[in-house]
Amino acid sequence: MRSKRKRRGKLRDIAAELPRVLSELGMEDAQRALSMGQCWEKAVGPEVARHTRPLALQGEILEVRVDASVWAQQLQLQRPEILAALARELPEGEKPPSDLRFRVGRPGLDSRR
């Protein structure tokens, strides 16, 4: 039989709380990368998003994993447009990356091992 527990406080969406927690922990770069990842599909569109995944912010450069070299080449040519779209989609006051770096690999995995 299940015991009844009292809930302490309201349930909150962890995705909504994560940026605040990262910022409080002094992990502003991780918080910025998370924001970029959250608006990535809207900035680049669903087709590009299916083949890419933002991974990390290295200084002011957003590292993006792509699933094929053809995508890396194509997106390299579209860097200015992608950067402008990211700047439009990021929350107000959030600084966009200054550049993008595309790395070939499976978007769901980090192959830097």
N, C-alpha and C. Protein backbone atom coordinates (compact mmCIF):
# COMPACT_ATOMS: atom_id res chain seq x y z
N MET A 1 0.83 -1.17 0.00
CA MET A 1 0.00 0.00 0.00
C MET A 1 0.89 1.25 0.00
N ARG A 2 0.51 2.19 -0.80
CA ARG A 2 1.26 3.43 -0.91
C ARG A 2 0.99 4.35 0.26
N SER A 3 2.06 4.92 0.75
CA SER A 3 1.86 5.91 1.82
C SER A 3 1.58 7.26 1.19
N LYS A 4 0.77 8.02 1.85
CA LYS A 4 0.45 9.34 1.34
C LYS A 4 1.48 10.33 1.86
N ARG A 5 2.05 11.08 0.94
CA ARG A 5 3.03 12.10 1.30
C ARG A 5 2.45 13.47 1.00
N LYS A 6 2.81 14.39 1.83
CA LYS A 6 2.42 15.76 1.55
C LYS A 6 3.43 16.34 0.57
N ARG A 7 2.92 17.04 -0.40
CA ARG A 7 3.82 17.72 -1.33
C ARG A 7 4.27 19.02 -0.71
N ARG A 8 5.50 19.31 -0.90
CA ARG A 8 6.07 20.55 -0.37
C ARG A 8 6.24 21.54 -1.51
N GLY A 9 5.33 22.45 -1.62
CA GLY A 9 5.43 23.45 -2.67
C GLY A 9 4.81 22.97 -3.97
N LYS A 10 4.85 23.86 -4.95
CA LYS A 10 4.27 23.56 -6.25
C LYS A 10 5.27 22.81 -7.12
N LEU A 11 4.74 21.98 -8.00
CA LEU A 11 5.59 21.34 -8.99
C LEU A 11 5.98 22.38 -10.04
N ARG A 12 7.25 22.34 -10.44
CA ARG A 12 7.72 23.28 -11.45
C ARG A 12 8.38 22.51 -12.57
N ASP A 13 8.29 23.06 -13.76
CA ASP A 13 8.92 22.47 -14.93
C ASP A 13 10.43 22.65 -14.81
N ILE A 14 11.16 21.55 -14.83
CA ILE A 14 12.61 21.63 -14.65
C ILE A 14 13.28 22.39 -15.78
N ALA A 15 12.74 22.28 -17.00
CA ALA A 15 13.31 23.02 -18.12
C ALA A 15 13.21 24.52 -17.91
N ALA A 16 12.15 24.95 -17.25
CA ALA A 16 11.99 26.37 -16.97
C ALA A 16 12.91 26.83 -15.85
N GLU A 17 13.25 25.94 -14.94
CA GLU A 17 14.09 26.28 -13.79
C GLU A 17 15.59 26.17 -14.08
N LEU A 18 15.96 25.35 -15.05
CA LEU A 18 17.37 25.08 -15.31
C LEU A 18 18.20 26.33 -15.62
N PRO A 19 17.74 27.24 -16.48
CA PRO A 19 18.55 28.44 -16.73
C PRO A 19 18.85 29.24 -15.46
N ARG A 20 17.86 29.38 -14.59
CA ARG A 20 18.06 30.12 -13.35
C ARG A 20 19.09 29.42 -12.46
N VAL A 21 18.99 28.11 -12.36
CA VAL A 21 19.90 27.34 -11.51
C VAL A 21 21.33 27.43 -12.04
N LEU A 22 21.49 27.28 -13.35
CA LEU A 22 22.83 27.38 -13.94
C LEU A 22 23.43 28.76 -13.69
N SER A 23 22.62 29.78 -13.83
CA SER A 23 23.11 31.14 -13.59
C SER A 23 23.52 31.32 -12.14
N GLU A 24 22.71 30.80 -11.21
CA GLU A 24 23.03 30.92 -9.79
C GLU A 24 24.31 30.16 -9.43
N LEU A 25 24.61 29.10 -10.17
CA LEU A 25 25.82 28.32 -9.92
C LEU A 25 27.04 28.91 -10.60
N GLY A 26 26.87 30.04 -11.28
CA GLY A 26 28.00 30.67 -11.96
C GLY A 26 28.34 30.00 -13.27
N MET A 27 27.38 29.31 -13.84
CA MET A 27 27.61 28.59 -15.10
C MET A 27 26.90 29.31 -16.24
N GLU A 28 27.25 30.59 -16.43
CA GLU A 28 26.58 31.41 -17.42
C GLU A 28 26.75 30.87 -18.83
N ASP A 29 27.94 30.35 -19.17
CA ASP A 29 28.15 29.79 -20.51
C ASP A 29 27.24 28.60 -20.75
N ALA A 30 27.08 27.75 -19.74
CA ALA A 30 26.17 26.61 -19.88
C ALA A 30 24.74 27.09 -20.03
N GLN A 31 24.38 28.12 -19.29
CA GLN A 31 23.03 28.68 -19.38
C GLN A 31 22.80 29.27 -20.77
N ARG A 32 23.79 29.98 -21.30
CA ARG A 32 23.66 30.56 -22.65
C ARG A 32 23.54 29.47 -23.68
N ALA A 33 24.35 28.41 -23.57
CA ALA A 33 24.29 27.30 -24.52
C ALA A 33 22.92 26.63 -24.46
N LEU A 34 22.38 26.48 -23.26
CA LEU A 34 21.05 25.90 -23.11
C LEU A 34 20.00 26.76 -23.82
N SER A 35 20.07 28.07 -23.64
CA SER A 35 19.13 28.97 -24.32
C SER A 35 19.23 28.83 -25.83
N MET A 36 20.45 28.73 -26.33
CA MET A 36 20.65 28.58 -27.77
C MET A 36 20.08 27.25 -28.27
N GLY A 37 20.28 26.21 -27.48
CA GLY A 37 19.74 24.91 -27.84
C GLY A 37 18.22 24.91 -27.85
N GLN A 38 17.61 25.65 -26.93
CA GLN A 38 16.15 25.69 -26.84
C GLN A 38 15.53 26.42 -28.02
N CYS A 39 16.22 27.38 -28.61
CA CYS A 39 15.64 28.10 -29.75
C CYS A 39 16.26 27.68 -31.08
N TRP A 40 17.11 26.66 -31.05
CA TRP A 40 17.82 26.23 -32.26
C TRP A 40 16.87 25.86 -33.39
N GLU A 41 15.90 24.99 -33.13
CA GLU A 41 15.00 24.55 -34.21
C GLU A 41 14.22 25.72 -34.80
N LYS A 42 13.78 26.62 -33.97
CA LYS A 42 13.04 27.78 -34.48
C LYS A 42 13.95 28.66 -35.34
N ALA A 43 15.22 28.76 -34.98
CA ALA A 43 16.16 29.60 -35.73
C ALA A 43 16.56 28.97 -37.06
N VAL A 44 16.78 27.65 -37.07
CA VAL A 44 17.31 27.01 -38.28
C VAL A 44 16.25 26.25 -39.08
N GLY A 45 15.11 25.98 -38.47
CA GLY A 45 14.06 25.23 -39.15
C GLY A 45 14.15 23.75 -38.83
N PRO A 46 13.03 23.04 -39.00
CA PRO A 46 12.98 21.63 -38.60
C PRO A 46 13.91 20.71 -39.41
N GLU A 47 14.09 20.99 -40.68
CA GLU A 47 14.95 20.12 -41.52
C GLU A 47 16.40 20.16 -41.04
N VAL A 48 16.93 21.37 -40.84
CA VAL A 48 18.31 21.50 -40.37
C VAL A 48 18.42 20.95 -38.95
N ALA A 49 17.43 21.22 -38.13
CA ALA A 49 17.46 20.75 -36.73
C ALA A 49 17.51 19.23 -36.64
N ARG A 50 16.91 18.53 -37.59
CA ARG A 50 16.96 17.05 -37.58
C ARG A 50 18.37 16.52 -37.80
N HIS A 51 19.23 17.33 -38.40
CA HIS A 51 20.59 16.89 -38.74
C HIS A 51 21.66 17.54 -37.88
N THR A 52 21.26 18.35 -36.91
CA THR A 52 22.22 19.10 -36.11
C THR A 52 21.83 19.08 -34.64
N ARG A 53 22.81 19.42 -33.82
CA ARG A 53 22.56 19.56 -32.38
C ARG A 53 23.61 20.50 -31.79
N PRO A 54 23.19 21.63 -31.22
CA PRO A 54 24.16 22.49 -30.54
C PRO A 54 24.68 21.75 -29.31
N LEU A 55 26.00 21.76 -29.12
CA LEU A 55 26.59 21.00 -28.03
C LEU A 55 27.14 21.85 -26.91
N ALA A 56 27.90 22.86 -27.26
CA ALA A 56 28.59 23.62 -26.22
C ALA A 56 28.95 25.00 -26.73
N LEU A 57 29.18 25.88 -25.78
CA LEU A 57 29.66 27.22 -26.09
C LEU A 57 31.11 27.28 -25.66
N GLN A 58 31.99 27.47 -26.61
CA GLN A 58 33.42 27.58 -26.34
C GLN A 58 33.80 29.05 -26.49
N GLY A 59 33.84 29.76 -25.39
CA GLY A 59 34.04 31.21 -25.47
C GLY A 59 32.79 31.82 -26.08
N GLU A 60 32.92 32.40 -27.24
CA GLU A 60 31.78 32.99 -27.95
C GLU A 60 31.40 32.18 -29.20
N ILE A 61 31.94 30.97 -29.31
CA ILE A 61 31.68 30.12 -30.47
C ILE A 61 30.78 28.96 -30.07
N LEU A 62 29.64 28.84 -30.76
CA LEU A 62 28.72 27.74 -30.50
C LEU A 62 29.15 26.54 -31.34
N GLU A 63 29.44 25.43 -30.66
CA GLU A 63 29.83 24.20 -31.34
C GLU A 63 28.56 23.41 -31.65
N VAL A 64 28.44 23.01 -32.91
CA VAL A 64 27.25 22.31 -33.38
C VAL A 64 27.66 21.00 -34.03
N ARG A 65 27.06 19.91 -33.59
CA ARG A 65 27.31 18.59 -34.18
C ARG A 65 26.37 18.42 -35.36
N VAL A 66 26.91 17.98 -36.49
CA VAL A 66 26.10 17.69 -37.69
C VAL A 66 26.30 16.22 -38.05
N ASP A 67 25.30 15.63 -38.69
CA ASP A 67 25.38 14.20 -38.96
C ASP A 67 26.06 13.82 -40.26
N ALA A 68 26.45 14.80 -41.07
CA ALA A 68 27.14 14.49 -42.33
C ALA A 68 27.97 15.69 -42.78
N SER A 69 29.06 15.41 -43.47
CA SER A 69 29.94 16.49 -43.93
C SER A 69 29.22 17.42 -44.92
N VAL A 70 28.29 16.89 -45.68
CA VAL A 70 27.53 17.72 -46.61
C VAL A 70 26.77 18.81 -45.85
N TRP A 71 26.16 18.43 -44.72
CA TRP A 71 25.46 19.41 -43.90
C TRP A 71 26.45 20.43 -43.33
N ALA A 72 27.60 19.98 -42.88
CA ALA A 72 28.60 20.90 -42.33
C ALA A 72 29.01 21.94 -43.37
N GLN A 73 29.24 21.48 -44.60
CA GLN A 73 29.63 22.41 -45.68
C GLN A 73 28.51 23.41 -45.98
N GLN A 74 27.30 22.90 -46.10
CA GLN A 74 26.16 23.77 -46.42
C GLN A 74 25.94 24.80 -45.31
N LEU A 75 25.97 24.35 -44.07
CA LEU A 75 25.73 25.26 -42.96
C LEU A 75 26.86 26.26 -42.76
N GLN A 76 28.06 25.86 -43.11
CA GLN A 76 29.20 26.78 -43.04
C GLN A 76 28.93 27.99 -43.94
N LEU A 77 28.34 27.75 -45.10
CA LEU A 77 28.01 28.83 -46.03
C LEU A 77 26.86 29.70 -45.50
N GLN A 78 26.03 29.13 -44.64
CA GLN A 78 24.86 29.85 -44.12
C GLN A 78 25.11 30.45 -42.73
N ARG A 79 26.37 30.43 -42.27
CA ARG A 79 26.69 30.93 -40.93
C ARG A 79 26.11 32.30 -40.62
N PRO A 80 26.29 33.30 -41.51
CA PRO A 80 25.76 34.63 -41.17
C PRO A 80 24.24 34.62 -40.95
N GLU A 81 23.53 33.89 -41.78
CA GLU A 81 22.06 33.83 -41.66
C GLU A 81 21.66 33.10 -40.38
N ILE A 82 22.37 32.03 -40.03
CA ILE A 82 22.06 31.27 -38.81
C ILE A 82 22.34 32.12 -37.58
N LEU A 83 23.46 32.83 -37.57
CA LEU A 83 23.80 33.70 -36.44
C LEU A 83 22.75 34.80 -36.27
N ALA A 84 22.29 35.38 -37.37
CA ALA A 84 21.27 36.42 -37.30
C ALA A 84 19.95 35.84 -36.78
N ALA A 85 19.59 34.64 -37.24
CA ALA A 85 18.34 34.00 -36.79
C ALA A 85 18.43 33.67 -35.30
N LEU A 86 19.58 33.18 -34.84
CA LEU A 86 19.75 32.90 -33.41
C LEU A 86 19.60 34.17 -32.59
N ALA A 87 20.20 35.25 -33.06
CA ALA A 87 20.11 36.52 -32.34
C ALA A 87 18.66 36.97 -32.22
N ARG A 88 17.86 36.74 -33.26
CA ARG A 88 16.44 37.11 -33.21
C ARG A 88 15.64 36.23 -32.26
N GLU A 89 15.99 34.94 -32.17
CA GLU A 89 15.21 33.99 -31.40
C GLU A 89 15.59 33.90 -29.93
N LEU A 90 16.79 34.34 -29.58
CA LEU A 90 17.21 34.28 -28.18
C LEU A 90 16.39 35.24 -27.33
N PRO A 91 16.22 34.93 -26.07
CA PRO A 91 15.49 35.85 -25.19
C PRO A 91 16.16 37.22 -25.19
N GLU A 92 15.35 38.25 -25.01
CA GLU A 92 15.86 39.61 -25.01
C GLU A 92 16.98 39.77 -23.98
N GLY A 93 18.05 40.41 -24.40
CA GLY A 93 19.19 40.64 -23.51
C GLY A 93 20.21 39.51 -23.52
N GLU A 94 19.87 38.38 -24.13
CA GLU A 94 20.78 37.24 -24.20
C GLU A 94 21.76 37.46 -25.36
N LYS A 95 23.03 37.34 -25.08
CA LYS A 95 24.07 37.59 -26.09
C LYS A 95 24.20 36.37 -27.02
N PRO A 96 24.09 36.59 -28.34
CA PRO A 96 24.24 35.47 -29.28
C PRO A 96 25.72 35.11 -29.45
N PRO A 97 25.99 33.93 -30.00
CA PRO A 97 27.40 33.58 -30.26
C PRO A 97 27.97 34.47 -31.35
N SER A 98 29.28 34.59 -31.36
CA SER A 98 29.92 35.39 -32.41
C SER A 98 30.20 34.56 -33.65
N ASP A 99 30.23 33.23 -33.47
CA ASP A 99 30.51 32.35 -34.60
C ASP A 99 29.97 30.95 -34.30
N LEU A 100 29.99 30.11 -35.33
CA LEU A 100 29.55 28.72 -35.22
C LEU A 100 30.68 27.82 -35.68
N ARG A 101 30.82 26.67 -35.04
CA ARG A 101 31.79 25.67 -35.46
C ARG A 101 31.01 24.37 -35.66
N PHE A 102 31.08 23.82 -36.86
CA PHE A 102 30.36 22.59 -37.18
C PHE A 102 31.31 21.41 -37.13
N ARG A 103 30.89 20.36 -36.44
CA ARG A 103 31.68 19.13 -36.30
C ARG A 103 30.82 17.96 -36.74
N VAL A 104 31.41 17.11 -37.56
CA VAL A 104 30.68 15.95 -38.07
C VAL A 104 30.68 14.84 -37.03
N GLY A 105 29.53 14.25 -36.82
CA GLY A 105 29.35 13.15 -35.89
C GLY A 105 27.87 12.94 -35.70
N ARG A 106 27.50 11.92 -35.00
CA ARG A 106 26.07 11.69 -34.75
C ARG A 106 25.59 12.75 -33.77
N PRO A 107 24.53 13.52 -34.13
CA PRO A 107 24.08 14.62 -33.28
C PRO A 107 23.71 14.21 -31.87
N GLY A 108 23.30 12.98 -31.64
CA GLY A 108 22.91 12.57 -30.30
C GLY A 108 24.07 12.16 -29.43
N LEU A 109 25.25 12.04 -29.99
CA LEU A 109 26.41 11.55 -29.25
C LEU A 109 27.56 12.54 -29.32
N ASP A 110 28.33 12.60 -28.30
CA ASP A 110 29.54 13.40 -28.29
C ASP A 110 30.69 12.46 -28.59
N SER A 111 31.30 12.61 -29.76
CA SER A 111 32.34 11.67 -30.18
C SER A 111 33.74 12.15 -29.84
N ARG A 112 33.88 13.07 -28.89
CA ARG A 112 35.21 13.58 -28.53
C ARG A 112 35.92 12.70 -27.53
N ARG A 113 35.54 11.48 -27.36
CA ARG A 113 36.15 10.59 -26.36
C ARG A 113 37.54 10.23 -26.73
